Every structure is written in structure tokens, then in C-alpha cells.
Amino acid sequence: MLKDKDKIFFLIGVFTLIRLLVAPFFGLGVDEAHYVLYAKYLDFSYVDHPPLVGWVHALIFYLLGTNEFLARLPAILIFAATSYCAYIFLMRITGSVKISLLAVLALNCSFMLNALGLMLLPDSLLLLLVFLLIFIAEKIFRENKPCDYILLGIILGLMGLSKYTAILLVPPLIVFFLIKKRYDIIFSPYMFGAALIALVMISPVIYWNYTHDFISFRYQSGHVFGTLAASAKNFLTSLAAQFGAYSPFLFLIAFYGFFRSLRSTNDYLRLAVLFAGTIMIFFLLTSLSERTLPHWPGIFYLLFIPIGTYNLFISSQKWKKNFLYFSIGFSLVLTLFAYTELAAKFLTLPDYKSPFRDIYGYSTIAKEADVLLQKNSSAKLKAIAVSNWTMGSRTMYYSLPYRNDVYVIDNRQDQFDVWQKNVPLGYDLLFLNTHFHELNIEKYARCDRVDAAGKTDIKLNGAKVDTVEYVWCYNYQGVRP
């Protein structure tokens, strides 16, 4: 019989083991491959995000190399730590091992949070850090020790190195101390010291942007805010995506927990409301102009799926507790089914309808492209070319063993423009045309000659996941106007 203190390690261990077992059995996704390339092209910062996700990958990339398992190992370990922090968070609120365990179980049944616990994104780092921020903020309020301000500065610095939206967590931190009327903390020289520590830590990001015409700041402002025109469709689509991504019932539980906590005087709940509420309001507002990706407001669901679980569990109304058990059970079954399908891939679907199209077949594509490049022995300058960054990240990653150059030929300014120092003028480019990204190379690029070089069907259980056509563009001279 497990002791109470060991039950959380058993629960986290089970989910961690499942993720470790599944990790090697499917290809890297668009963002995953992109962030591993951050490690390959180690830098002070990047167009899309600050550098911490790449620095974390680099610890393994340069020591052990890379494959699907190694690329996912940091995310798995980080989410195990995040789950433990969630347990500590709930224990400090409830004092109940049973409720805290159930809350962590609910957290690990959310589809999107499972994705962030398996695939290393900047958000994966931020989820862990937000718990640490809550813990240190409450401790500063309670004890006000100088050494805690150092930890606060380090945590804020790490957040700034993780994701730009981490800046949104600074105002609610200040508001918390204002609500508590702790002006001595806000205007303490130690608080200014914490701010200085954070500023020094994020200085690589500032320096990199200064030397790159502040491209990252411009990219992020356009990426988040989109156009100035408000769209109810974007708003509803963004909310619907979150409804499905976090599990429909856990989505409802999170909002229930949030509204139940609005008037709470518990310091941990108040901090959670301020942090999660700021994040959610920001992304709800920006979704009026640009569709919000489901993982962007992940902090909200991270904090309030457990809190909603707690509120439902302590309710005197039996149907609420039954709803909670059903919601967790439903989400757990679907989560385990998804993990089983990722590993075993037993479903057979119609041609080009596979959910695996983004995470299956790119190793085969890169291998076949290498064979075709080797056959073109007459060209001194030759490389692989794709027409968009999503193909670029995976093609570049899976071409690493062959050391083939990969160029993203498009009109979009992004990270690939920083990595690709030279324009491939005069190259023989082998374009990859997939079923989902078809391009008429003759009309798109100026070439001396365009030749079809072959075609590969990417199949799974006898059905086509994708089809890739290889097209030579000899002596590439740029994109047609």
C-alpha cells in the first residue's frame, strides 16, 4: 500500500512512463522540428521566440545527438515537474491529498496539456515557471526575505527567455501586492534588484533584436494582433478550438473553477485568478483580430482545471461530483486512446484523411530527396527547396543526417531568412511538392529547365497519408513576380 506522500510520484510516474514509451513512435511536428533546429543554429534569440527552448534542446543535441525520443525527453521531464508543482499548489490550497491527486489526474487528462508534456514548445517551459512564480510571490508576501527577490528575478528572467507573452504576468504580480496593500514590497530596493536581474537575463534577446532590426518584436506584434478588423468568427473559432483541445468537459471545469475563485481571499487562488485571467482576457481580445492557437492561453487551463476539480469535488451537490468523475474518466479514456494510436497506428482512414499527415513520412521524404540529389552529379550547387516554413522545419530536421541544404522559397519574412545567409541563385533546386502544398514550379520560379524527378506515396495501413512529387528547377534564378 502506497503512503500518501508516495501516491503523487506513482501517478506522475505512470503518465511519464506512458509518454516515454510513446515518444519514439511518431515523427516530429512542425513546431517541434523548428525548435530542435534552434539548437542546431544556436543563437541569442530567434524570430519566432526567445531562445530558452533552443538552449534546452541544445543540452541534449550536442551531448547525445537527436531523434524523436531525445527531442521529446525535455518536455516529458518538464511536465513531470509541472505536475508535481500542481500537486503542491493544490495541497497548499486544500490540504487534501485525495483532492490534490485528483486535480493532477485531471490535468494529465487534458489533450493539449498532454501535447505540451510530450512536445517541447516555449509554452511547455512557461507552464512550469508560472507555478514557481506563484510560489515565490506568495512567499515574498508572507516572509519578505531578500533572497526571495533574487529567485523572483531569476524566474521572471527565465520567463522572458521562454516566451514574449510572459510580460503579461508582470502587471498582475504588481496588482496582487497592491491588493494586499504591500507597498513596501512594490517599492522595495530588492524588487528593483529583481527587475534588474530579470533585465540582465533577457539582455541576449534585446541585443539580438537590436542587431536584427527588431524583427522578432515586429513579427510577434503582427502575429498576435493580426489585422485591426474585429471578427466574431475568429473569436468563436479560437474558443471552439480550446473547447476541443483541452477536452470539452475539462474546458468547462476550468471556467467553473475560475468564476468560483474570483472572490476568494486565498492568496494562491488570488494569484491564479490574476495570472490566468490576464492571459485569458488578452488572448480573447486578440482573437477578435487573429485566430488564437489553443496552446497560447495554456496557463489558464493549467491553473484552473485543477482548481475547478477542487471546487466540484467539495460541492454538496452530488451531480457536480458525478460530472467531475465522468469528465476525468472520459478525458482519460480518450487520452490513452490517442497515445495508443500514436504508438500503434492501427486505424485505417481514407486517402489523405490521416491525422498523421504532419508527423509521418518526412524521414522517408528526406531520404528519397538525398538519393535524387546524389544522382545529380553534374551540379556543383544543389539543394532541397520547399515553398513554406512548415515543410521547411521538418524537411530541414530530417535532412540533418544527410547534411543537405534546405531552402524555404517564399515571400514571408521568418526565421529561415536568418538561417539562410545566401540566396540559392544558380543552384539546381529539388522542390518538394506534397499533396497538401502543391506548387506549379514553372509558374512560381525562374529556372533554365523544370523536370519531374519522381513521386513517393507515403502510406500507412495501405492508405495514402501524403504524396510527394520531386521537381528539379535547374539553375534557379529567383521567384517570378
Protein backbone atom coordinates (compact mmCIF):
# COMPACT_ATOMS: atom_id res chain seq x y z
CA MET A 1 0.00 0.00 0.00
CA LEU A 2 1.42 3.35 -1.06
CA LYS A 3 1.84 6.04 1.54
CA ASP A 4 0.12 9.37 0.88
CA LYS A 5 3.41 11.11 0.12
CA ASP A 6 4.31 8.46 -2.47
CA LYS A 7 0.99 8.45 -4.35
CA ILE A 8 1.77 11.59 -6.32
CA PHE A 9 5.09 10.14 -7.52
CA PHE A 10 3.32 6.98 -8.62
CA LEU A 11 0.67 8.98 -10.53
CA ILE A 12 3.20 11.22 -12.23
CA GLY A 13 5.44 8.22 -12.88
CA VAL A 14 2.68 6.36 -14.73
CA PHE A 15 1.95 9.25 -17.09
CA THR A 16 5.67 9.95 -17.55
CA LEU A 17 6.30 6.32 -18.45
CA ILE A 18 3.48 6.36 -20.99
CA ARG A 19 4.97 9.45 -22.64
CA LEU A 20 8.47 7.96 -22.66
CA LEU A 21 7.15 4.80 -24.32
CA VAL A 22 5.15 6.66 -26.97
CA ALA A 23 7.74 9.37 -27.74
CA PRO A 24 9.88 7.46 -30.30
CA PHE A 25 6.97 6.17 -32.38
CA PHE A 26 5.90 9.21 -34.40
CA GLY A 27 7.67 11.93 -36.30
CA LEU A 28 8.31 15.45 -35.12
CA GLY A 29 5.60 18.00 -35.80
CA VAL A 30 6.01 21.42 -37.38
CA ASP A 31 6.85 23.36 -34.22
CA GLU A 32 8.80 20.51 -32.64
CA ALA A 33 11.22 20.25 -35.54
CA HIS A 34 11.53 24.03 -35.69
CA TYR A 35 12.62 24.29 -32.05
CA VAL A 36 15.15 21.47 -32.36
CA LEU A 37 16.65 23.49 -35.20
CA TYR A 38 17.05 26.32 -32.69
CA ALA A 39 19.64 24.07 -31.04
CA LYS A 40 21.31 23.32 -34.36
CA TYR A 41 21.56 27.06 -35.09
CA LEU A 42 22.29 28.17 -31.52
CA ASP A 43 21.82 31.92 -31.07
CA PHE A 44 20.98 34.66 -28.58
CA SER A 45 17.38 34.70 -29.79
CA TYR A 46 15.15 33.88 -32.77
CA VAL A 47 12.48 35.48 -34.90
CA ASP A 48 9.61 33.41 -33.53
CA HIS A 49 10.50 33.22 -29.84
CA PRO A 50 13.17 33.94 -27.23
CA PRO A 51 15.96 31.35 -27.04
CA LEU A 52 15.32 29.20 -23.94
CA VAL A 53 13.53 26.40 -25.82
CA GLY A 54 16.53 26.12 -28.14
CA TRP A 55 19.02 26.29 -25.29
CA VAL A 56 17.22 23.45 -23.50
CA HIS A 57 17.28 21.36 -26.69
CA ALA A 58 20.98 22.16 -27.12
CA LEU A 59 21.87 20.46 -23.82
CA ILE A 60 20.86 17.13 -25.39
CA PHE A 61 21.52 17.93 -29.06
CA TYR A 62 25.25 18.50 -28.59
CA LEU A 63 25.76 15.77 -25.99
CA LEU A 64 23.65 12.89 -27.32
CA GLY A 65 22.51 13.92 -30.79
CA THR A 66 18.89 13.96 -31.82
CA ASN A 67 15.99 11.68 -32.63
CA GLU A 68 12.29 11.68 -31.78
CA PHE A 69 12.86 10.33 -28.26
CA LEU A 70 15.66 12.76 -27.38
CA ALA A 71 13.77 15.70 -28.86
CA ARG A 72 10.81 14.92 -26.58
CA LEU A 73 12.67 13.96 -23.41
CA PRO A 74 12.96 17.55 -22.06
CA ALA A 75 9.22 18.20 -22.46
CA ILE A 76 8.36 14.94 -20.70
CA LEU A 77 10.61 15.69 -17.72
CA ILE A 78 9.47 19.31 -17.53
CA PHE A 79 5.81 18.31 -17.47
CA ALA A 80 6.50 15.77 -14.74
CA ALA A 81 7.91 18.66 -12.67
CA THR A 82 4.91 20.80 -13.64
CA SER A 83 2.52 18.09 -12.46
CA TYR A 84 4.33 17.92 -9.13
CA CYS A 85 4.11 21.70 -8.76
CA ALA A 86 0.37 21.43 -9.46
CA TYR A 87 0.13 18.92 -6.63
CA ILE A 88 1.98 21.24 -4.21
CA PHE A 89 -0.22 24.13 -5.38
CA LEU A 90 -3.43 22.20 -4.62
CA MET A 91 -2.08 20.85 -1.33
CA ARG A 92 -1.43 24.41 -0.15
CA ILE A 93 -4.99 25.37 -1.10
CA THR A 94 -6.85 22.28 0.09
CA GLY A 95 -4.59 20.37 2.45
CA SER A 96 -6.14 17.21 0.97
CA VAL A 97 -4.03 14.53 -0.67
CA LYS A 98 -7.09 12.99 -2.33
CA ILE A 99 -8.26 16.24 -3.93
CA SER A 100 -4.73 17.18 -4.99
CA LEU A 101 -4.16 13.78 -6.63
CA LEU A 102 -7.49 14.01 -8.45
CA ALA A 103 -6.60 17.51 -9.66
CA VAL A 104 -3.26 16.32 -11.05
CA LEU A 105 -5.02 13.39 -12.71
CA ALA A 106 -7.45 15.81 -14.37
CA LEU A 107 -4.54 17.96 -15.52
CA ASN A 108 -2.87 14.95 -17.13
CA CYS A 109 -6.08 14.06 -18.96
CA SER A 110 -6.23 17.31 -20.92
CA PHE A 111 -5.38 16.72 -24.58
CA MET A 112 -3.48 19.96 -25.18
CA LEU A 113 -1.59 19.80 -21.90
CA ASN A 114 -0.56 16.27 -22.82
CA ALA A 115 0.76 17.61 -26.11
CA LEU A 116 2.79 20.25 -24.24
CA GLY A 117 4.00 17.50 -21.93
CA LEU A 118 5.27 15.47 -24.86
CA MET A 119 6.45 18.06 -27.37
CA LEU A 120 8.78 20.83 -26.22
CA LEU A 121 7.34 24.25 -27.03
CA PRO A 122 8.09 27.57 -25.32
CA ASP A 123 4.72 27.13 -23.58
CA SER A 124 5.96 23.88 -22.02
CA LEU A 125 8.58 25.90 -20.15
CA LEU A 126 6.18 28.67 -19.18
CA LEU A 127 3.75 26.21 -17.57
CA LEU A 128 6.36 25.13 -15.03
CA LEU A 129 7.61 28.65 -14.42
CA VAL A 130 4.16 30.09 -13.66
CA PHE A 131 3.83 27.75 -10.67
CA LEU A 132 7.26 28.83 -9.44
CA LEU A 133 6.20 32.46 -9.85
CA ILE A 134 3.08 31.87 -7.74
CA PHE A 135 5.10 30.12 -5.03
CA ILE A 136 7.76 32.84 -4.80
CA ALA A 137 5.21 35.70 -4.91
CA GLU A 138 3.25 34.20 -2.02
CA LYS A 139 6.48 33.61 -0.07
CA ILE A 140 7.63 37.20 -0.59
CA PHE A 141 4.26 38.46 0.66
CA ARG A 142 4.48 36.22 3.72
CA GLU A 143 8.17 36.45 4.66
CA ASN A 144 9.67 39.29 2.58
CA LYS A 145 13.20 37.87 2.64
CA PRO A 146 15.87 39.50 0.40
CA CYS A 147 17.00 36.13 -1.03
CA ASP A 148 13.49 35.50 -2.37
CA TYR A 149 13.74 38.59 -4.58
CA ILE A 150 16.76 37.02 -6.24
CA LEU A 151 14.68 33.95 -7.04
CA LEU A 152 11.87 36.20 -8.31
CA GLY A 153 14.28 37.94 -10.67
CA ILE A 154 15.61 34.62 -11.95
CA ILE A 155 12.09 33.22 -12.53
CA LEU A 156 10.98 36.38 -14.36
CA GLY A 157 14.17 36.26 -16.42
CA LEU A 158 13.59 32.63 -17.39
CA MET A 159 10.01 33.51 -18.33
CA GLY A 160 11.27 36.32 -20.55
CA LEU A 161 13.68 33.88 -22.19
CA SER A 162 10.80 31.45 -22.79
CA LYS A 163 8.06 33.48 -24.44
CA TYR A 164 7.27 37.11 -25.12
CA THR A 165 3.79 36.88 -23.62
CA ALA A 166 5.46 36.26 -20.24
CA ILE A 167 5.47 40.06 -19.90
CA LEU A 168 1.71 39.78 -19.34
CA LEU A 169 2.38 38.19 -15.95
CA VAL A 170 4.21 41.22 -14.54
CA PRO A 171 1.20 43.58 -14.16
CA PRO A 172 -0.94 41.02 -12.25
CA LEU A 173 2.03 40.35 -9.96
CA ILE A 174 2.14 44.04 -9.07
CA VAL A 175 -1.67 44.14 -8.75
CA PHE A 176 -1.50 41.30 -6.22
CA PHE A 177 0.77 43.30 -3.93
CA LEU A 178 -1.38 46.40 -4.44
CA ILE A 179 -4.50 44.46 -3.41
CA LYS A 180 -2.64 43.29 -0.31
CA LYS A 181 -1.51 46.91 0.29
CA ARG A 182 2.11 45.81 0.43
CA TYR A 183 3.61 48.99 -0.97
CA ASP A 184 6.77 48.19 0.95
CA ILE A 185 7.28 45.20 -1.37
CA ILE A 186 6.47 47.03 -4.60
CA PHE A 187 8.83 49.92 -3.84
CA SER A 188 11.45 47.84 -2.10
CA PRO A 189 15.01 48.19 -3.43
CA TYR A 190 15.03 44.40 -3.54
CA MET A 191 12.14 44.49 -6.03
CA PHE A 192 14.14 46.83 -8.24
CA GLY A 193 17.02 44.40 -7.85
CA ALA A 194 14.75 41.56 -9.01
CA ALA A 195 13.77 43.63 -12.05
CA LEU A 196 17.45 44.26 -12.80
CA ILE A 197 18.25 40.53 -12.58
CA ALA A 198 15.40 39.77 -15.00
CA LEU A 199 16.56 42.52 -17.37
CA VAL A 200 20.13 41.18 -17.39
CA MET A 201 18.85 37.67 -18.09
CA ILE A 202 16.78 38.78 -21.10
CA SER A 203 19.54 41.04 -22.45
CA PRO A 204 20.51 38.43 -25.11
CA VAL A 205 17.01 38.80 -26.57
CA ILE A 206 17.26 42.59 -26.60
CA TYR A 207 20.76 42.50 -28.11
CA TRP A 208 19.73 40.01 -30.81
CA ASN A 209 16.73 42.09 -31.78
CA TYR A 210 18.85 45.26 -31.85
CA THR A 211 21.25 43.60 -34.29
CA HIS A 212 18.39 42.19 -36.40
CA ASP A 213 16.30 45.34 -36.89
CA PHE A 214 13.89 44.26 -34.09
CA ILE A 215 12.43 41.67 -36.45
CA SER A 216 11.18 39.48 -33.60
CA PHE A 217 9.17 42.26 -31.96
CA ARG A 218 7.63 43.24 -35.30
CA TYR A 219 6.85 39.62 -36.12
CA GLN A 220 5.19 38.97 -32.77
CA SER A 221 3.05 42.11 -32.86
CA GLY A 222 1.74 41.20 -36.30
CA HIS A 223 1.36 37.54 -35.35
CA VAL A 224 -0.70 38.20 -32.24
CA PHE A 225 -2.76 41.21 -33.29
CA GLY A 226 -3.19 40.40 -36.99
CA THR A 227 -5.36 42.97 -38.72
CA LEU A 228 -7.20 45.75 -36.95
CA ALA A 229 -10.57 44.45 -38.13
CA ALA A 230 -12.55 42.63 -35.44
CA SER A 231 -14.03 39.27 -36.36
CA ALA A 232 -16.60 37.36 -34.34
CA LYS A 233 -15.75 34.31 -36.43
CA ASN A 234 -12.09 34.41 -35.32
CA PHE A 235 -13.20 34.80 -31.70
CA LEU A 236 -15.63 31.88 -31.80
CA THR A 237 -13.24 29.69 -33.79
CA SER A 238 -10.47 30.32 -31.26
CA LEU A 239 -12.74 29.49 -28.34
CA ALA A 240 -14.08 26.38 -30.08
CA ALA A 241 -10.51 25.21 -30.70
CA GLN A 242 -9.76 25.49 -26.99
CA PHE A 243 -13.01 23.69 -26.16
CA GLY A 244 -11.85 20.68 -28.15
CA ALA A 245 -8.13 20.90 -27.48
CA TYR A 246 -8.28 20.82 -23.69
CA SER A 247 -11.15 18.26 -23.62
CA PRO A 248 -14.69 19.71 -23.71
CA PHE A 249 -15.59 18.78 -20.15
CA LEU A 250 -12.26 19.93 -18.69
CA PHE A 251 -12.73 23.20 -20.58
CA LEU A 252 -16.00 23.71 -18.69
CA ILE A 253 -14.40 22.67 -15.40
CA ALA A 254 -11.63 25.25 -15.88
CA PHE A 255 -14.07 28.12 -16.40
CA TYR A 256 -16.17 26.89 -13.48
CA GLY A 257 -13.09 26.94 -11.26
CA PHE A 258 -12.15 30.42 -12.46
CA PHE A 259 -15.52 32.01 -11.73
CA ARG A 260 -15.77 30.21 -8.39
CA SER A 261 -12.40 31.66 -7.39
CA LEU A 262 -13.00 35.29 -8.34
CA ARG A 263 -13.97 36.36 -4.80
CA SER A 264 -11.63 34.04 -2.93
CA THR A 265 -9.33 35.59 -0.34
CA ASN A 266 -6.88 32.68 -0.53
CA ASP A 267 -3.58 34.12 -1.73
CA TYR A 268 -2.79 31.20 -4.04
CA LEU A 269 -6.23 31.38 -5.66
CA ARG A 270 -5.98 35.14 -5.96
CA LEU A 271 -2.62 34.88 -7.71
CA ALA A 272 -4.03 32.19 -10.01
CA VAL A 273 -7.03 34.38 -10.89
CA LEU A 274 -4.82 37.37 -11.64
CA PHE A 275 -2.29 35.46 -13.78
CA ALA A 276 -4.73 33.19 -15.62
CA GLY A 277 -7.36 35.92 -16.00
CA THR A 278 -4.85 38.31 -17.57
CA ILE A 279 -3.69 35.66 -20.02
CA MET A 280 -7.21 34.62 -21.00
CA ILE A 281 -8.54 38.17 -21.38
CA PHE A 282 -5.56 39.11 -23.53
CA PHE A 283 -6.00 36.20 -25.90
CA LEU A 284 -9.78 36.56 -26.03
CA LEU A 285 -9.31 40.17 -27.10
CA THR A 286 -6.60 39.44 -29.65
CA SER A 287 -8.65 36.56 -31.07
CA LEU A 288 -11.02 39.19 -32.43
CA SER A 289 -8.35 40.12 -34.97
CA GLU A 290 -6.24 36.94 -35.25
CA ARG A 291 -7.18 33.35 -34.52
CA THR A 292 -5.64 32.23 -31.23
CA LEU A 293 -3.83 28.91 -31.27
CA PRO A 294 -5.12 26.62 -28.49
CA HIS A 295 -1.83 26.36 -26.61
CA TRP A 296 -1.33 30.12 -26.24
CA PRO A 297 -3.69 30.51 -23.22
CA GLY A 298 -2.41 27.24 -21.71
CA ILE A 299 -1.64 28.91 -18.36
CA PHE A 300 -5.37 29.45 -17.79
CA TYR A 301 -6.20 25.76 -18.17
CA LEU A 302 -3.08 24.66 -16.29
CA LEU A 303 -4.23 26.57 -13.22
CA PHE A 304 -7.99 26.18 -13.38
CA ILE A 305 -8.55 22.61 -14.45
CA PRO A 306 -7.12 21.59 -11.03
CA ILE A 307 -8.94 24.40 -9.21
CA GLY A 308 -12.21 23.54 -10.96
CA THR A 309 -11.67 19.92 -9.96
CA TYR A 310 -11.30 21.01 -6.33
CA ASN A 311 -14.45 23.15 -6.42
CA LEU A 312 -16.55 20.38 -7.94
CA PHE A 313 -15.22 17.78 -5.52
CA ILE A 314 -16.13 19.76 -2.40
CA SER A 315 -19.60 20.63 -3.70
CA SER A 316 -22.52 19.31 -1.66
CA GLN A 317 -24.45 18.67 -4.87
CA LYS A 318 -23.93 15.05 -5.89
CA TRP A 319 -24.39 15.71 -9.63
CA LYS A 320 -21.38 18.04 -9.65
CA LYS A 321 -19.12 15.35 -8.23
CA ASN A 322 -20.55 12.82 -10.71
CA PHE A 323 -19.92 15.28 -13.54
CA LEU A 324 -16.33 15.63 -12.35
CA TYR A 325 -15.72 11.87 -12.32
CA PHE A 326 -17.33 11.48 -15.74
CA SER A 327 -15.28 14.35 -17.19
CA ILE A 328 -11.98 12.96 -15.93
CA GLY A 329 -12.88 9.42 -16.98
CA PHE A 330 -13.98 10.50 -20.45
CA SER A 331 -10.83 12.58 -20.97
CA LEU A 332 -8.57 9.82 -19.60
CA VAL A 333 -10.02 7.21 -21.97
CA LEU A 334 -9.56 9.49 -24.99
CA THR A 335 -6.05 10.43 -23.87
CA LEU A 336 -4.98 6.80 -23.53
CA PHE A 337 -6.62 6.01 -26.88
CA ALA A 338 -4.68 8.84 -28.51
CA TYR A 339 -1.40 7.61 -27.03
CA THR A 340 -2.14 4.06 -28.20
CA GLU A 341 -2.93 5.26 -31.71
CA LEU A 342 0.22 7.40 -31.83
CA ALA A 343 2.33 4.36 -30.98
CA ALA A 344 0.47 1.58 -32.83
CA LYS A 345 -1.26 3.50 -35.67
CA PHE A 346 -3.94 0.84 -36.04
CA LEU A 347 -6.70 2.99 -37.58
CA THR A 348 -7.26 2.84 -41.33
CA LEU A 349 -8.62 6.03 -42.85
CA PRO A 350 -9.36 7.16 -46.44
CA ASP A 351 -6.54 8.52 -48.59
CA TYR A 352 -5.27 11.91 -47.47
CA LYS A 353 -7.52 11.96 -44.38
CA SER A 354 -4.96 10.76 -41.84
CA PRO A 355 -4.40 12.90 -38.74
CA PHE A 356 -0.74 11.85 -39.02
CA ARG A 357 -0.03 13.80 -42.18
CA ASP A 358 2.16 16.32 -40.31
CA ILE A 359 4.06 13.75 -38.22
CA TYR A 360 4.53 10.84 -40.58
CA GLY A 361 6.76 10.25 -43.58
CA TYR A 362 9.24 13.10 -43.52
CA SER A 363 12.17 10.80 -42.80
CA THR A 364 11.24 8.88 -45.97
CA ILE A 365 10.88 12.12 -47.94
CA ALA A 366 14.30 13.39 -46.81
CA LYS A 367 15.94 10.05 -47.62
CA GLU A 368 14.48 9.93 -51.14
CA ALA A 369 15.46 13.56 -51.72
CA ASP A 370 19.04 12.72 -50.77
CA VAL A 371 19.09 9.87 -53.30
CA LEU A 372 17.94 12.24 -56.05
CA LEU A 373 20.47 14.88 -55.06
CA GLN A 374 23.28 12.32 -55.25
CA LYS A 375 22.17 11.29 -58.73
CA ASN A 376 22.60 14.87 -59.95
CA SER A 377 26.37 14.63 -60.07
CA SER A 378 26.83 17.41 -62.63
CA ALA A 379 25.67 20.25 -60.36
CA LYS A 380 28.21 21.90 -58.07
CA LEU A 381 25.46 23.77 -56.25
CA LYS A 382 22.35 21.79 -55.38
CA ALA A 383 19.86 21.77 -52.54
CA ILE A 384 16.34 20.86 -51.49
CA ALA A 385 13.64 23.52 -51.75
CA VAL A 386 10.19 23.84 -50.20
CA SER A 387 7.58 26.55 -50.55
CA ASN A 388 6.62 27.23 -46.92
CA TRP A 389 8.12 27.21 -43.43
CA THR A 390 6.00 24.31 -42.10
CA MET A 391 7.55 21.99 -44.67
CA GLY A 392 10.87 23.69 -44.15
CA SER A 393 11.20 22.86 -40.46
CA ARG A 394 10.54 19.14 -40.88
CA THR A 395 12.47 18.78 -44.15
CA MET A 396 15.47 20.56 -42.66
CA TYR A 397 15.37 18.46 -39.48
CA TYR A 398 15.09 15.10 -41.25
CA SER A 399 17.80 16.15 -43.73
CA LEU A 400 20.33 16.65 -40.92
CA PRO A 401 21.82 13.12 -41.28
CA TYR A 402 22.47 13.77 -45.00
CA ARG A 403 23.82 17.29 -44.48
CA ASN A 404 21.76 18.60 -47.36
CA ASP A 405 20.93 22.28 -47.57
CA VAL A 406 17.22 23.09 -47.47
CA TYR A 407 15.84 26.40 -48.70
CA VAL A 408 12.42 27.85 -47.98
CA ILE A 409 11.43 29.72 -51.14
CA ASP A 410 8.62 32.09 -50.22
CA ASN A 411 7.84 35.77 -49.67
CA ARG A 412 7.36 35.51 -45.92
CA GLN A 413 9.99 37.00 -43.62
CA ASP A 414 10.75 34.47 -40.91
CA GLN A 415 13.46 32.51 -39.12
CA PHE A 416 14.62 30.81 -42.30
CA ASP A 417 15.69 34.17 -43.73
CA VAL A 418 18.07 34.48 -40.77
CA TRP A 419 19.42 30.95 -41.08
CA GLN A 420 19.74 31.04 -44.88
CA LYS A 421 22.53 33.55 -45.28
CA ASN A 422 22.71 33.31 -49.06
CA VAL A 423 20.10 33.21 -51.82
CA PRO A 424 20.33 29.95 -53.82
CA LEU A 425 20.73 31.69 -57.17
CA GLY A 426 22.42 29.40 -59.67
CA TYR A 427 21.52 26.27 -57.68
CA ASP A 428 19.83 23.20 -59.02
CA LEU A 429 16.92 23.04 -56.59
CA LEU A 430 14.94 19.89 -55.91
CA PHE A 431 11.47 21.15 -55.00
CA LEU A 432 9.21 19.02 -52.82
CA ASN A 433 5.55 19.18 -53.76
CA THR A 434 3.17 17.47 -51.35
CA HIS A 435 -0.49 16.70 -51.88
CA PHE A 436 -1.33 19.47 -49.41
CA HIS A 437 1.21 22.00 -50.68
CA GLU A 438 1.16 21.72 -54.45
CA LEU A 439 3.07 24.31 -56.43
CA ASN A 440 3.48 24.86 -60.15
CA ILE A 441 7.24 25.28 -60.23
CA GLU A 442 7.32 26.58 -63.82
CA LYS A 443 4.98 29.42 -62.89
CA TYR A 444 6.49 30.00 -59.45
CA ALA A 445 10.25 30.00 -60.08
CA ARG A 446 12.55 31.10 -62.88
CA CYS A 447 14.58 28.09 -63.99
CA ASP A 448 16.53 27.11 -67.10
CA ARG A 449 14.54 23.90 -67.11
CA VAL A 450 11.96 22.14 -64.94
CA ASP A 451 11.89 18.34 -64.80
CA ALA A 452 9.83 15.87 -62.81
CA ALA A 453 12.18 13.68 -60.79
CA GLY A 454 9.78 11.16 -59.29
CA LYS A 455 6.95 10.68 -56.86
CA THR A 456 6.57 8.96 -53.49
CA ASP A 457 3.35 7.86 -51.83
CA ILE A 458 3.54 7.99 -48.05
CA LYS A 459 1.31 5.12 -46.94
CA LEU A 460 0.01 3.92 -43.59
CA ASN A 461 -2.09 0.76 -43.26
CA GLY A 462 -2.46 0.72 -47.04
CA ALA A 463 -3.91 4.24 -47.27
CA LYS A 464 -2.15 7.32 -48.59
CA VAL A 465 -1.18 9.81 -45.91
CA ASP A 466 0.52 12.12 -48.40
CA THR A 467 2.05 12.11 -51.85
CA VAL A 468 5.29 13.91 -52.61
CA GLU A 469 6.42 14.91 -56.09
CA TYR A 470 10.09 15.79 -56.61
CA VAL A 471 10.69 18.50 -59.21
CA TRP A 472 14.03 19.80 -60.42
CA CYS A 473 14.48 23.51 -61.05
CA TYR A 474 17.81 23.79 -62.89
CA ASN A 475 19.80 26.99 -62.41
CA TYR A 476 17.30 28.72 -60.13
CA GLN A 477 17.14 32.48 -60.74
CA GLY A 478 14.55 33.62 -58.24
CA VAL A 479 10.80 33.71 -57.74
CA ARG A 480 8.69 35.01 -60.59
CA PRO A 481 6.98 38.37 -59.95
